[in-house]
Structures are given as C-alpha cells and as structure tokens.
Amino acid sequence: NAEYMGGSVNSGTVLNLEDGQVLFSLQIQDLASNTVRLTQSTASICSFRIDQTLPTARVQLVSSNPSRTLAKSGDTVYIYINASEQITVSSISINTHQISGSS
C-alpha cells in the first residue's frame, strides 16, 4: 500500500479473465466502523477493460525520393502504420540502427 492524497493505493493481479469489460465494487470502513460500498453508481471509476488481443498492423514505407521505393542519403523515409487499435510506437530501427522521428 502507498499513501495517496490522504488515503492508500492498493493493487491486485488480474488472473484468468476473458477480454471485455470488468466491473468491480469496493467496500471501505474507517476506524469508527463507518462503512461505505463504492459501486459503479457511487464511484467515478468502477470498471476497466481486459485486453489480451495482440494488435495487427499494416506498414508502408515511402521515400521522398522521386522513386518512392528507393532512398539515398538525405532522403526522408515515411513509415505509415495502420493498426487494428490505438498503438504507441516504442522504437523504430532500420538495419539494426535505432532511428528517431516524429508523428
């Protein structure tokens, strides 16, 4: 548990759940035994989504060279990614050389 805005943060591990929406509820009690049950109607976030499906992607490389499939030193190479879901590109390398770019 970690202190968070005067309260505590608890964590648990999700095991053997299918993809889809997961609802949860929480019952809390203070030292004076006052109890409250937080549910979807009383808490701001009482659900999350399990996603174990790998994204699929189609990638297209295009060069600024007049011959769009060739590139030489000084040309810009554009990488177009069409993914099945929202993704974050964590790294790009060409011939094992890490490259940086912008979106």
C-alpha atoms as a PDB file:
ATOM      1  CA  ASN A   1       0.000   0.000   0.000  1.00  0.00           C
ATOM      2  CA  ALA A   2       1.177   3.517  -0.778  1.00  0.00           C
ATOM      3  CA  GLU A   3      -0.110   6.782   0.638  1.00  0.00           C
ATOM      4  CA  TYR A   4      -2.126   8.751  -1.911  1.00  0.00           C
ATOM      5  CA  MET A   5      -3.909  12.037  -1.140  1.00  0.00           C
ATOM      6  CA  GLY A   6      -4.541  11.047   2.467  1.00  0.00           C
ATOM      7  CA  GLY A   7      -5.636   7.513   1.540  1.00  0.00           C
ATOM      8  CA  SER A   8      -3.977   4.385   0.343  1.00  0.00           C
ATOM      9  CA  VAL A   9      -3.478   2.758  -3.036  1.00  0.00           C
ATOM     10  CA  ASN A  10      -3.984  -0.987  -3.193  1.00  0.00           C
ATOM     11  CA  SER A  11      -3.189  -3.247  -6.096  1.00  0.00           C
ATOM     12  CA  GLY A  12      -4.082  -6.728  -7.187  1.00  0.00           C
ATOM     13  CA  THR A  13      -3.251  -9.052 -10.039  1.00  0.00           C
ATOM     14  CA  VAL A  14      -5.826  -9.942 -12.668  1.00  0.00           C
ATOM     15  CA  LEU A  15      -5.802 -13.671 -13.419  1.00  0.00           C
ATOM     16  CA  ASN A  16      -7.668 -15.746 -15.997  1.00  0.00           C
ATOM     17  CA  LEU A  17     -10.174 -13.160 -17.179  1.00  0.00           C
ATOM     18  CA  GLU A  18     -11.618 -13.022 -20.677  1.00  0.00           C
ATOM     19  CA  ASP A  19     -11.359  -9.908 -22.868  1.00  0.00           C
ATOM     20  CA  GLY A  20     -14.081  -7.375 -22.169  1.00  0.00           C
ATOM     21  CA  GLN A  21     -15.461  -5.018 -19.548  1.00  0.00           C
ATOM     22  CA  VAL A  22     -14.818  -5.908 -15.897  1.00  0.00           C
ATOM     23  CA  LEU A  23     -16.913  -4.320 -13.154  1.00  0.00           C
ATOM     24  CA  PHE A  24     -15.858  -4.173  -9.546  1.00  0.00           C
ATOM     25  CA  SER A  25     -17.098  -2.829  -6.252  1.00  0.00           C
ATOM     26  CA  LEU A  26     -15.266  -1.800  -3.131  1.00  0.00           C
ATOM     27  CA  GLN A  27     -16.313  -1.697   0.500  1.00  0.00           C
ATOM     28  CA  ILE A  28     -14.321   0.547   2.831  1.00  0.00           C
ATOM     29  CA  GLN A  29     -14.503   1.122   6.555  1.00  0.00           C
ATOM     30  CA  ASP A  30     -12.939   3.773   8.768  1.00  0.00           C
ATOM     31  CA  LEU A  31     -11.634   3.289  12.314  1.00  0.00           C
ATOM     32  CA  ALA A  32     -15.074   4.186  13.731  1.00  0.00           C
ATOM     33  CA  SER A  33     -16.611   1.302  11.722  1.00  0.00           C
ATOM     34  CA  ASN A  34     -18.395   3.614   9.285  1.00  0.00           C
ATOM     35  CA  THR A  35     -18.780   1.537   6.122  1.00  0.00           C
ATOM     36  CA  VAL A  36     -19.434   2.616   2.558  1.00  0.00           C
ATOM     37  CA  ARG A  37     -19.730   0.443  -0.533  1.00  0.00           C
ATOM     38  CA  LEU A  38     -18.464   2.008  -3.748  1.00  0.00           C
ATOM     39  CA  THR A  39     -20.169   0.783  -6.885  1.00  0.00           C
ATOM     40  CA  GLN A  40     -20.454   1.975 -10.457  1.00  0.00           C
ATOM     41  CA  SER A  41     -23.168   4.449  -9.420  1.00  0.00           C
ATOM     42  CA  THR A  42     -21.202   5.928  -6.480  1.00  0.00           C
ATOM     43  CA  ALA A  43     -17.584   5.924  -7.679  1.00  0.00           C
ATOM     44  CA  SER A  44     -16.072   7.652 -10.668  1.00  0.00           C
ATOM     45  CA  ILE A  45     -14.256   4.552 -11.953  1.00  0.00           C
ATOM     46  CA  CYS A  46     -15.581   1.091 -11.143  1.00  0.00           C
ATOM     47  CA  SER A  47     -14.749  -0.767 -14.315  1.00  0.00           C
ATOM     48  CA  PHE A  48     -11.869  -1.464 -16.616  1.00  0.00           C
ATOM     49  CA  ARG A  49     -11.333  -3.413 -19.808  1.00  0.00           C
ATOM     50  CA  ILE A  50      -9.256  -6.584 -20.158  1.00  0.00           C
ATOM     51  CA  ASP A  51      -7.405  -6.642 -23.491  1.00  0.00           C
ATOM     52  CA  GLN A  52      -5.214  -9.645 -24.221  1.00  0.00           C
ATOM     53  CA  THR A  53      -5.607  -9.432 -28.015  1.00  0.00           C
ATOM     54  CA  LEU A  54      -2.437  -8.542 -29.911  1.00  0.00           C
ATOM     55  CA  PRO A  55      -2.881  -5.617 -32.301  1.00  0.00           C
ATOM     56  CA  THR A  56      -2.449  -6.165 -36.019  1.00  0.00           C
ATOM     57  CA  ALA A  57      -0.761  -3.609 -38.235  1.00  0.00           C
ATOM     58  CA  ARG A  58      -0.131  -2.894 -41.890  1.00  0.00           C
ATOM     59  CA  VAL A  59       3.077  -0.943 -42.522  1.00  0.00           C
ATOM     60  CA  GLN A  60       4.005   1.020 -45.638  1.00  0.00           C
ATOM     61  CA  LEU A  61       7.387   2.662 -46.269  1.00  0.00           C
ATOM     62  CA  VAL A  62       7.583   5.578 -48.713  1.00  0.00           C
ATOM     63  CA  SER A  63      10.647   7.663 -49.597  1.00  0.00           C
ATOM     64  CA  SER A  64      10.822  11.335 -50.520  1.00  0.00           C
ATOM     65  CA  ASN A  65      12.961  10.172 -53.458  1.00  0.00           C
ATOM     66  CA  PRO A  66      11.238  10.579 -56.868  1.00  0.00           C
ATOM     67  CA  SER A  67      11.361   6.789 -56.999  1.00  0.00           C
ATOM     68  CA  ARG A  68       9.186   6.304 -53.866  1.00  0.00           C
ATOM     69  CA  THR A  69      10.541   2.797 -53.144  1.00  0.00           C
ATOM     70  CA  LEU A  70      14.211   3.879 -53.127  1.00  0.00           C
ATOM     71  CA  ALA A  71      16.091   6.132 -50.703  1.00  0.00           C
ATOM     72  CA  LYS A  72      19.535   7.651 -50.644  1.00  0.00           C
ATOM     73  CA  SER A  73      21.398   9.726 -48.082  1.00  0.00           C
ATOM     74  CA  GLY A  74      19.420  12.903 -47.354  1.00  0.00           C
ATOM     75  CA  ASP A  75      16.027  11.450 -48.346  1.00  0.00           C
ATOM     76  CA  THR A  76      13.236  11.213 -45.813  1.00  0.00           C
ATOM     77  CA  VAL A  77      11.590   7.841 -45.253  1.00  0.00           C
ATOM     78  CA  TYR A  78       7.959   7.920 -44.150  1.00  0.00           C
ATOM     79  CA  ILE A  79       6.523   4.993 -42.229  1.00  0.00           C
ATOM     80  CA  TYR A  80       2.740   4.681 -42.365  1.00  0.00           C
ATOM     81  CA  ILE A  81       1.177   2.341 -39.819  1.00  0.00           C
ATOM     82  CA  ASN A  82      -2.468   1.288 -39.966  1.00  0.00           C
ATOM     83  CA  ALA A  83      -3.247  -0.631 -36.770  1.00  0.00           C
ATOM     84  CA  SER A  84      -6.320  -2.507 -35.582  1.00  0.00           C
ATOM     85  CA  GLU A  85      -6.362  -0.449 -32.377  1.00  0.00           C
ATOM     86  CA  GLN A  86      -4.680   2.596 -30.867  1.00  0.00           C
ATOM     87  CA  ILE A  87      -0.965   1.890 -30.504  1.00  0.00           C
ATOM     88  CA  THR A  88       2.215   3.580 -29.334  1.00  0.00           C
ATOM     89  CA  VAL A  89       5.374   3.058 -31.376  1.00  0.00           C
ATOM     90  CA  SER A  90       8.085   2.351 -28.811  1.00  0.00           C
ATOM     91  CA  SER A  91      11.034   2.040 -31.181  1.00  0.00           C
ATOM     92  CA  ILE A  92      11.948   2.029 -34.866  1.00  0.00           C
ATOM     93  CA  SER A  93      15.148   0.653 -36.325  1.00  0.00           C
ATOM     94  CA  ILE A  94      16.438   0.281 -39.870  1.00  0.00           C
ATOM     95  CA  ASN A  95      19.165  -2.320 -40.422  1.00  0.00           C
ATOM     96  CA  THR A  96      19.535  -2.585 -36.597  1.00  0.00           C
ATOM     97  CA  HIS A  97      20.151   1.194 -36.326  1.00  0.00           C
ATOM     98  CA  GLN A  98      17.760   2.940 -33.933  1.00  0.00           C
ATOM     99  CA  ILE A  99      16.131   5.966 -35.556  1.00  0.00           C
ATOM    100  CA  SER A 100      14.085   8.817 -34.189  1.00  0.00           C
ATOM    101  CA  GLY A 101      11.267  10.624 -35.844  1.00  0.00           C
ATOM    102  CA  SER A 102       8.043  12.486 -35.327  1.00  0.00           C
ATOM    103  CA  SER A 103       4.412  11.677 -35.905  1.00  0.00           C
END
